[in-house]
Full PDB file with SEQRES, HELIX, SHEET, SSBOND, CRYST1, ORIGX, SCALE, CONECT and MASTER records, all heavy atoms in Angstrom:
SEQRES   1 A   28  GLY GLU ALA ILE ALA LEU ARG TRP GLU ASP ILE ASP PHE          
SEQRES   2 A   28  GLU ASN LYS THR VAL MET ILE ASN LYS SER ILE GLU ARG          
SEQRES   3 A   28  VAL ILE                                                      
HELIX    1 AA1 GLU A    2  ALA A    5  1                                   4    
HELIX    2 AA2 TRP A    8  ASP A   10  5                                   3    
SHEET    1 AA1 2 ILE A  11  ASP A  12  0                                        
SHEET    2 AA1 2 THR A  17  VAL A  18 -1                                        
CRYST1    1.000    1.000    1.000  90.00  90.00  90.00 P 1           1          
ORIGX1      1.000000  0.000000  0.000000        0.00000                         
ORIGX2      0.000000  1.000000  0.000000        0.00000                         
ORIGX3      0.000000  0.000000  1.000000        0.00000                         
SCALE1      1.000000  0.000000  0.000000        0.00000                         
SCALE2      0.000000  1.000000  0.000000        0.00000                         
SCALE3      0.000000  0.000000  1.000000        0.00000                         
ATOM      1  N   GLY A   1     -37.713  95.569-104.801  1.00  0.00           N  
ATOM      2  CA  GLY A   1     -38.787  96.572-104.798  1.00  0.00           C  
ATOM      3  C   GLY A   1     -38.450  97.773-103.930  1.00  0.00           C  
ATOM      4  O   GLY A   1     -38.823  98.911-104.237  1.00  0.00           O  
ATOM      5  N   GLU A   2     -37.737  97.532-102.834  1.00  0.00           N  
ATOM      6  CA  GLU A   2     -37.311  98.619-101.945  1.00  0.00           C  
ATOM      7  C   GLU A   2     -36.250  99.478-102.620  1.00  0.00           C  
ATOM      8  O   GLU A   2     -36.241 100.701-102.474  1.00  0.00           O  
ATOM      9  CB  GLU A   2     -36.775  98.036-100.643  1.00  0.00           C  
ATOM     10  CG  GLU A   2     -37.829  97.326 -99.809  1.00  0.00           C  
ATOM     11  CD  GLU A   2     -37.266  96.530 -98.647  1.00  0.00           C  
ATOM     12  OE1 GLU A   2     -36.036  96.296 -98.618  1.00  0.00           O  
ATOM     13  OE2 GLU A   2     -38.048  96.142 -97.750  1.00  0.00           O  
ATOM     14  N   ALA A   3     -35.349  98.829-103.372  1.00  0.00           N  
ATOM     15  CA  ALA A   3     -34.304  99.564-104.088  1.00  0.00           C  
ATOM     16  C   ALA A   3     -34.918 100.460-105.160  1.00  0.00           C  
ATOM     17  O   ALA A   3     -34.555 101.636-105.295  1.00  0.00           O  
ATOM     18  CB  ALA A   3     -33.315  98.590-104.719  1.00  0.00           C  
ATOM     19  N   ILE A   4     -35.877  99.910-105.918  1.00  0.00           N  
ATOM     20  CA  ILE A   4     -36.521 100.668-106.992  1.00  0.00           C  
ATOM     21  C   ILE A   4     -37.246 101.898-106.446  1.00  0.00           C  
ATOM     22  O   ILE A   4     -37.298 102.943-107.096  1.00  0.00           O  
ATOM     23  CB  ILE A   4     -37.504  99.757-107.768  1.00  0.00           C  
ATOM     24  CG1 ILE A   4     -36.724  98.655-108.506  1.00  0.00           C  
ATOM     25  CG2 ILE A   4     -38.328 100.556-108.759  1.00  0.00           C  
ATOM     26  CD1 ILE A   4     -37.598  97.588-109.117  1.00  0.00           C  
ATOM     27  N   ALA A   5     -37.792 101.793-105.230  1.00  0.00           N  
ATOM     28  CA  ALA A   5     -38.553 102.892-104.628  1.00  0.00           C  
ATOM     29  C   ALA A   5     -37.662 103.935-103.944  1.00  0.00           C  
ATOM     30  O   ALA A   5     -38.135 105.009-103.556  1.00  0.00           O  
ATOM     31  CB  ALA A   5     -39.548 102.338-103.614  1.00  0.00           C  
ATOM     32  N   LEU A   6     -36.384 103.629-103.797  1.00  0.00           N  
ATOM     33  CA  LEU A   6     -35.472 104.489-103.032  1.00  0.00           C  
ATOM     34  C   LEU A   6     -35.280 105.849-103.721  1.00  0.00           C  
ATOM     35  O   LEU A   6     -35.072 105.919-104.930  1.00  0.00           O  
ATOM     36  CB  LEU A   6     -34.118 103.781-102.904  1.00  0.00           C  
ATOM     37  CG  LEU A   6     -33.240 104.115-101.706  1.00  0.00           C  
ATOM     38  CD1 LEU A   6     -33.962 103.806-100.400  1.00  0.00           C  
ATOM     39  CD2 LEU A   6     -31.939 103.325-101.798  1.00  0.00           C  
ATOM     40  N   ARG A   7     -35.347 106.924-102.935  1.00  0.00           N  
ATOM     41  CA  ARG A   7     -35.113 108.280-103.435  1.00  0.00           C  
ATOM     42  C   ARG A   7     -33.922 108.879-102.687  1.00  0.00           C  
ATOM     43  O   ARG A   7     -33.592 108.451-101.579  1.00  0.00           O  
ATOM     44  CB  ARG A   7     -36.368 109.148-103.265  1.00  0.00           C  
ATOM     45  CG  ARG A   7     -37.562 108.598-104.055  1.00  0.00           C  
ATOM     46  CD  ARG A   7     -38.817 109.442-103.898  1.00  0.00           C  
ATOM     47  NE  ARG A   7     -39.964 108.789-104.547  1.00  0.00           N  
ATOM     48  CZ  ARG A   7     -40.271 108.914-105.831  1.00  0.00           C  
ATOM     49  NH1 ARG A   7     -39.526 109.703-106.610  1.00  0.00           N  
ATOM     50  NH2 ARG A   7     -41.308 108.281-106.354  1.00  0.00           N  
ATOM     51  N   TRP A   8     -33.314 109.895-103.291  1.00  0.00           N  
ATOM     52  CA  TRP A   8     -32.105 110.471-102.676  1.00  0.00           C  
ATOM     53  C   TRP A   8     -32.392 111.042-101.292  1.00  0.00           C  
ATOM     54  O   TRP A   8     -31.513 111.074-100.437  1.00  0.00           O  
ATOM     55  CB  TRP A   8     -31.493 111.535-103.596  1.00  0.00           C  
ATOM     56  CG  TRP A   8     -30.871 110.953-104.827  1.00  0.00           C  
ATOM     57  CD1 TRP A   8     -31.243 111.133-106.126  1.00  0.00           C  
ATOM     58  CD2 TRP A   8     -29.749 110.059-104.867  1.00  0.00           C  
ATOM     59  NE1 TRP A   8     -30.446 110.410-106.977  1.00  0.00           N  
ATOM     60  CE2 TRP A   8     -29.516 109.742-106.230  1.00  0.00           C  
ATOM     61  CE3 TRP A   8     -28.924 109.476-103.904  1.00  0.00           C  
ATOM     62  CZ2 TRP A   8     -28.489 108.883-106.633  1.00  0.00           C  
ATOM     63  CZ3 TRP A   8     -27.909 108.632-104.312  1.00  0.00           C  
ATOM     64  CH2 TRP A   8     -27.695 108.339-105.649  1.00  0.00           C  
ATOM     65  N   GLU A   9     -33.620 111.475-101.059  1.00  0.00           N  
ATOM     66  CA  GLU A   9     -33.959 112.016 -99.742  1.00  0.00           C  
ATOM     67  C   GLU A   9     -33.931 110.936 -98.657  1.00  0.00           C  
ATOM     68  O   GLU A   9     -33.907 111.248 -97.464  1.00  0.00           O  
ATOM     69  CB  GLU A   9     -35.338 112.683 -99.779  1.00  0.00           C  
ATOM     70  CG  GLU A   9     -36.475 111.738-100.113  1.00  0.00           C  
ATOM     71  CD  GLU A   9     -37.787 112.454-100.364  1.00  0.00           C  
ATOM     72  OE1 GLU A   9     -37.792 113.705-100.306  1.00  0.00           O  
ATOM     73  OE2 GLU A   9     -38.807 111.773-100.629  1.00  0.00           O  
ATOM     74  N   ASP A  10     -33.932 109.666 -99.071  1.00  0.00           N  
ATOM     75  CA  ASP A  10     -33.873 108.559 -98.109  1.00  0.00           C  
ATOM     76  C   ASP A  10     -32.440 108.255 -97.669  1.00  0.00           C  
ATOM     77  O   ASP A  10     -32.234 107.488 -96.730  1.00  0.00           O  
ATOM     78  CB  ASP A  10     -34.485 107.291 -98.715  1.00  0.00           C  
ATOM     79  CG  ASP A  10     -35.946 107.473 -99.095  1.00  0.00           C  
ATOM     80  OD1 ASP A  10     -36.672 108.104 -98.304  1.00  0.00           O  
ATOM     81  OD2 ASP A  10     -36.353 107.001-100.175  1.00  0.00           O  
ATOM     82  N   ILE A  11     -31.465 108.833 -98.376  1.00  0.00           N  
ATOM     83  CA  ILE A  11     -30.058 108.611 -98.059  1.00  0.00           C  
ATOM     84  C   ILE A  11     -29.530 109.763 -97.222  1.00  0.00           C  
ATOM     85  O   ILE A  11     -29.615 110.929 -97.631  1.00  0.00           O  
ATOM     86  CB  ILE A  11     -29.189 108.482 -99.332  1.00  0.00           C  
ATOM     87  CG1 ILE A  11     -29.804 107.493-100.334  1.00  0.00           C  
ATOM     88  CG2 ILE A  11     -27.760 108.101 -98.964  1.00  0.00           C  
ATOM     89  CD1 ILE A  11     -29.795 106.065 -99.900  1.00  0.00           C  
ATOM     90  N   ASP A  12     -29.001 109.468 -96.054  1.00  0.00           N  
ATOM     91  CA  ASP A  12     -28.372 110.487 -95.203  1.00  0.00           C  
ATOM     92  C   ASP A  12     -26.861 110.282 -95.301  1.00  0.00           C  
ATOM     93  O   ASP A  12     -26.286 109.446 -94.607  1.00  0.00           O  
ATOM     94  CB  ASP A  12     -28.855 110.328 -93.754  1.00  0.00           C  
ATOM     95  CG  ASP A  12     -28.355 111.446 -92.844  1.00  0.00           C  
ATOM     96  OD1 ASP A  12     -27.340 112.089 -93.194  1.00  0.00           O  
ATOM     97  OD2 ASP A  12     -28.966 111.665 -91.780  1.00  0.00           O  
ATOM     98  N   PHE A  13     -26.239 111.042 -96.205  1.00  0.00           N  
ATOM     99  CA  PHE A  13     -24.798 110.876 -96.434  1.00  0.00           C  
ATOM    100  C   PHE A  13     -23.982 111.287 -95.212  1.00  0.00           C  
ATOM    101  O   PHE A  13     -22.942 110.705 -94.932  1.00  0.00           O  
ATOM    102  CB  PHE A  13     -24.362 111.690 -97.659  1.00  0.00           C  
ATOM    103  CG  PHE A  13     -24.786 111.087 -98.963  1.00  0.00           C  
ATOM    104  CD1 PHE A  13     -25.947 111.500 -99.602  1.00  0.00           C  
ATOM    105  CD2 PHE A  13     -24.031 110.091 -99.557  1.00  0.00           C  
ATOM    106  CE1 PHE A  13     -26.339 110.939-100.806  1.00  0.00           C  
ATOM    107  CE2 PHE A  13     -24.413 109.514-100.765  1.00  0.00           C  
ATOM    108  CZ  PHE A  13     -25.569 109.947-101.391  1.00  0.00           C  
ATOM    109  N   GLU A  14     -24.477 112.292 -94.490  1.00  0.00           N  
ATOM    110  CA  GLU A  14     -23.727 112.783 -93.333  1.00  0.00           C  
ATOM    111  C   GLU A  14     -23.670 111.724 -92.222  1.00  0.00           C  
ATOM    112  O   GLU A  14     -22.610 111.468 -91.640  1.00  0.00           O  
ATOM    113  CB  GLU A  14     -24.368 114.068 -92.798  1.00  0.00           C  
ATOM    114  CG  GLU A  14     -23.586 114.691 -91.655  1.00  0.00           C  
ATOM    115  CD  GLU A  14     -24.212 115.992 -91.166  1.00  0.00           C  
ATOM    116  OE1 GLU A  14     -25.088 116.547 -91.863  1.00  0.00           O  
ATOM    117  OE2 GLU A  14     -23.809 116.451 -90.074  1.00  0.00           O  
ATOM    118  N   ASN A  15     -24.819 111.118 -91.928  1.00  0.00           N  
ATOM    119  CA  ASN A  15     -24.870 110.125 -90.856  1.00  0.00           C  
ATOM    120  C   ASN A  15     -24.699 108.692 -91.365  1.00  0.00           C  
ATOM    121  O   ASN A  15     -24.751 107.743 -90.577  1.00  0.00           O  
ATOM    122  CB  ASN A  15     -26.201 110.239 -90.104  1.00  0.00           C  
ATOM    123  CG  ASN A  15     -26.309 111.547 -89.359  1.00  0.00           C  
ATOM    124  OD1 ASN A  15     -25.430 111.899 -88.578  1.00  0.00           O  
ATOM    125  ND2 ASN A  15     -27.375 112.302 -89.617  1.00  0.00           N  
ATOM    126  N   LYS A  16     -24.527 108.559 -92.680  1.00  0.00           N  
ATOM    127  CA  LYS A  16     -24.291 107.260 -93.308  1.00  0.00           C  
ATOM    128  C   LYS A  16     -25.396 106.248 -92.973  1.00  0.00           C  
ATOM    129  O   LYS A  16     -25.150 105.158 -92.450  1.00  0.00           O  
ATOM    130  CB  LYS A  16     -22.919 106.705 -92.902  1.00  0.00           C  
ATOM    131  CG  LYS A  16     -21.753 107.572 -93.351  1.00  0.00           C  
ATOM    132  CD  LYS A  16     -20.412 106.942 -92.998  1.00  0.00           C  
ATOM    133  CE  LYS A  16     -19.272 107.830 -93.488  1.00  0.00           C  
ATOM    134  NZ  LYS A  16     -17.944 107.254 -93.163  1.00  0.00           N  
ATOM    135  N   THR A  17     -26.617 106.652 -93.291  1.00  0.00           N  
ATOM    136  CA  THR A  17     -27.774 105.769 -93.072  1.00  0.00           C  
ATOM    137  C   THR A  17     -28.685 105.803 -94.295  1.00  0.00           C  
ATOM    138  O   THR A  17     -28.632 106.726 -95.111  1.00  0.00           O  
ATOM    139  CB  THR A  17     -28.599 106.187 -91.837  1.00  0.00           C  
ATOM    140  OG1 THR A  17     -29.092 107.528 -92.037  1.00  0.00           O  
ATOM    141  CG2 THR A  17     -27.784 106.106 -90.570  1.00  0.00           C  
ATOM    142  N   VAL A  18     -29.544 104.795 -94.410  1.00  0.00           N  
ATOM    143  CA  VAL A  18     -30.568 104.767 -95.447  1.00  0.00           C  
ATOM    144  C   VAL A  18     -31.887 104.387 -94.788  1.00  0.00           C  
ATOM    145  O   VAL A  18     -31.941 103.482 -93.955  1.00  0.00           O  
ATOM    146  CB  VAL A  18     -30.206 103.780 -96.587  1.00  0.00           C  
ATOM    147  CG1 VAL A  18     -29.965 102.371 -96.050  1.00  0.00           C  
ATOM    148  CG2 VAL A  18     -31.313 103.747 -97.649  1.00  0.00           C  
ATOM    149  N   MET A  19     -32.937 105.095 -95.162  1.00  0.00           N  
ATOM    150  CA  MET A  19     -34.277 104.834 -94.631  1.00  0.00           C  
ATOM    151  C   MET A  19     -35.049 103.978 -95.636  1.00  0.00           C  
ATOM    152  O   MET A  19     -35.239 104.366 -96.790  1.00  0.00           O  
ATOM    153  CB  MET A  19     -35.027 106.152 -94.410  1.00  0.00           C  
ATOM    154  CG  MET A  19     -36.416 105.986 -93.809  1.00  0.00           C  
ATOM    155  SD  MET A  19     -36.343 105.589 -92.056  1.00  0.00           S  
ATOM    156  CE  MET A  19     -35.845 107.193 -91.378  1.00  0.00           C  
ATOM    157  N   ILE A  20     -35.492 102.810 -95.197  1.00  0.00           N  
ATOM    158  CA  ILE A  20     -36.288 101.912 -96.041  1.00  0.00           C  
ATOM    159  C   ILE A  20     -37.718 101.930 -95.530  1.00  0.00           C  
ATOM    160  O   ILE A  20     -38.023 101.374 -94.483  1.00  0.00           O  
ATOM    161  CB  ILE A  20     -35.741 100.465 -96.002  1.00  0.00           C  
ATOM    162  CG1 ILE A  20     -34.231 100.427 -96.245  1.00  0.00           C  
ATOM    163  CG2 ILE A  20     -36.484  99.591 -97.004  1.00  0.00           C  
ATOM    164  CD1 ILE A  20     -33.793 100.883 -97.604  1.00  0.00           C  
ATOM    165  N   ASN A  21     -38.599 102.605 -96.254  1.00  0.00           N  
ATOM    166  CA  ASN A  21     -39.982 102.714 -95.776  1.00  0.00           C  
ATOM    167  C   ASN A  21     -41.034 102.525 -96.867  1.00  0.00           C  
ATOM    168  O   ASN A  21     -42.215 102.747 -96.644  1.00  0.00           O  
ATOM    169  CB  ASN A  21     -40.198 104.069 -95.084  1.00  0.00           C  
ATOM    170  CG  ASN A  21     -39.868 105.240 -95.997  1.00  0.00           C  
ATOM    171  OD1 ASN A  21     -39.681 105.064 -97.204  1.00  0.00           O  
ATOM    172  ND2 ASN A  21     -39.785 106.424 -95.427  1.00  0.00           N  
ATOM    173  N   LYS A  22     -40.583 102.131 -98.051  1.00  0.00           N  
ATOM    174  CA  LYS A  22     -41.546 101.926 -99.141  1.00  0.00           C  
ATOM    175  C   LYS A  22     -40.981 100.931-100.151  1.00  0.00           C  
ATOM    176  O   LYS A  22     -39.798 100.603-100.132  1.00  0.00           O  
ATOM    177  CB  LYS A  22     -41.872 103.258 -99.831  1.00  0.00           C  
ATOM    178  CG  LYS A  22     -40.661 104.027-100.304  1.00  0.00           C  
ATOM    179  CD  LYS A  22     -41.044 105.440-100.717  1.00  0.00           C  
ATOM    180  CE  LYS A  22     -39.827 106.287-101.054  1.00  0.00           C  
ATOM    181  NZ  LYS A  22     -38.942 106.503 -99.896  1.00  0.00           N  
ATOM    182  N   SER A  23     -41.868 100.485-101.023  1.00  0.00           N  
ATOM    183  CA  SER A  23     -41.487  99.510-102.039  1.00  0.00           C  
ATOM    184  C   SER A  23     -42.333  99.757-103.274  1.00  0.00           C  
ATOM    185  O   SER A  23     -43.451 100.264-103.179  1.00  0.00           O  
ATOM    186  CB  SER A  23     -41.711  98.088-101.516  1.00  0.00           C  
ATOM    187  OG  SER A  23     -41.366  97.126-102.485  1.00  0.00           O  
ATOM    188  N   ILE A  24     -41.771  99.447-104.434  1.00  0.00           N  
ATOM    189  CA  ILE A  24     -42.536  99.555-105.679  1.00  0.00           C  
ATOM    190  C   ILE A  24     -42.734  98.160-106.240  1.00  0.00           C  
ATOM    191  O   ILE A  24     -41.779  97.405-106.405  1.00  0.00           O  
ATOM    192  CB  ILE A  24     -41.838 100.467-106.708  1.00  0.00           C  
ATOM    193  CG1 ILE A  24     -41.936 101.928-106.242  1.00  0.00           C  
ATOM    194  CG2 ILE A  24     -42.479 100.313-108.095  1.00  0.00           C  
ATOM    195  CD1 ILE A  24     -41.280 102.924-107.158  1.00  0.00           C  
ATOM    196  N   GLU A  25     -43.981  97.819-106.490  1.00  0.00           N  
ATOM    197  CA  GLU A  25     -44.326  96.500-107.019  1.00  0.00           C  
ATOM    198  C   GLU A  25     -45.035  96.659-108.359  1.00  0.00           C  
ATOM    199  O   GLU A  25     -45.805  97.602-108.557  1.00  0.00           O  
ATOM    200  CB  GLU A  25     -45.267  95.765-106.052  1.00  0.00           C  
ATOM    201  CG  GLU A  25     -44.739  95.616-104.651  1.00  0.00           C  
ATOM    202  CD  GLU A  25     -43.833  94.412-104.486  1.00  0.00           C  
ATOM    203  OE1 GLU A  25     -43.700  93.651-105.470  1.00  0.00           O  
ATOM    204  OE2 GLU A  25     -43.287  94.235-103.390  1.00  0.00           O  
ATOM    205  N   ARG A  26     -44.779  95.754-109.280  1.00  0.00           N  
ATOM    206  CA  ARG A  26     -45.508  95.744-110.552  1.00  0.00           C  
ATOM    207  C   ARG A  26     -46.775  94.925-110.337  1.00  0.00           C  
ATOM    208  O   ARG A  26     -46.712  93.737-110.007  1.00  0.00           O  
ATOM    209  CB  ARG A  26     -44.643  95.160-111.657  1.00  0.00           C  
ATOM    210  CG  ARG A  26     -45.332  95.103-113.006  1.00  0.00           C  
ATOM    211  CD  ARG A  26     -44.350  95.230-114.147  1.00  0.00           C  
ATOM    212  NE  ARG A  26     -43.842  96.581-114.257  1.00  0.00           N  
ATOM    213  CZ  ARG A  26     -43.157  97.042-115.302  1.00  0.00           C  
ATOM    214  NH1 ARG A  26     -42.899  96.252-116.309  1.00  0.00           N  
ATOM    215  NH2 ARG A  26     -42.731  98.286-115.332  1.00  0.00           N  
ATOM    216  N   VAL A  27     -47.939  95.564-110.506  1.00  0.00           N  
ATOM    217  CA  VAL A  27     -49.221  94.899-110.238  1.00  0.00           C  
ATOM    218  C   VAL A  27     -50.113  94.954-111.476  1.00  0.00           C  
ATOM    219  O   VAL A  27     -49.875  95.731-112.409  1.00  0.00           O  
ATOM    220  CB  VAL A  27     -49.942  95.556-109.039  1.00  0.00           C  
ATOM    221  CG1 VAL A  27     -49.111  95.431-107.775  1.00  0.00           C  
ATOM    222  CG2 VAL A  27     -50.260  97.019-109.322  1.00  0.00           C  
ATOM    223  N   ILE A  28     -51.142  94.117-111.457  1.00  0.00           N  
ATOM    224  CA  ILE A  28     -52.094  94.066-112.576  1.00  0.00           C  
ATOM    225  C   ILE A  28     -52.909  95.358-112.607  1.00  0.00           C  
ATOM    226  O   ILE A  28     -53.412  95.819-111.586  1.00  0.00           O  
ATOM    227  CB  ILE A  28     -53.029  92.858-112.431  1.00  0.00           C  
ATOM    228  CG1 ILE A  28     -52.222  91.551-112.529  1.00  0.00           C  
ATOM    229  CG2 ILE A  28     -54.131  92.871-113.483  1.00  0.00           C  
ATOM    230  CD1 ILE A  28     -53.010  90.312-112.169  1.00  0.00           C  
TER     231      ILE A  28                                                      
MASTER        0    0    0    2    2    0    0    6  230    1    0    3          
END                                                                             
């Protein structure tokens, strides 16, 4: 769910980090 929610703005290529702060879930 965290991978599905990931956007390019969450990736810092210069500092080689990824910010994980959201998730996408399939709900009723």
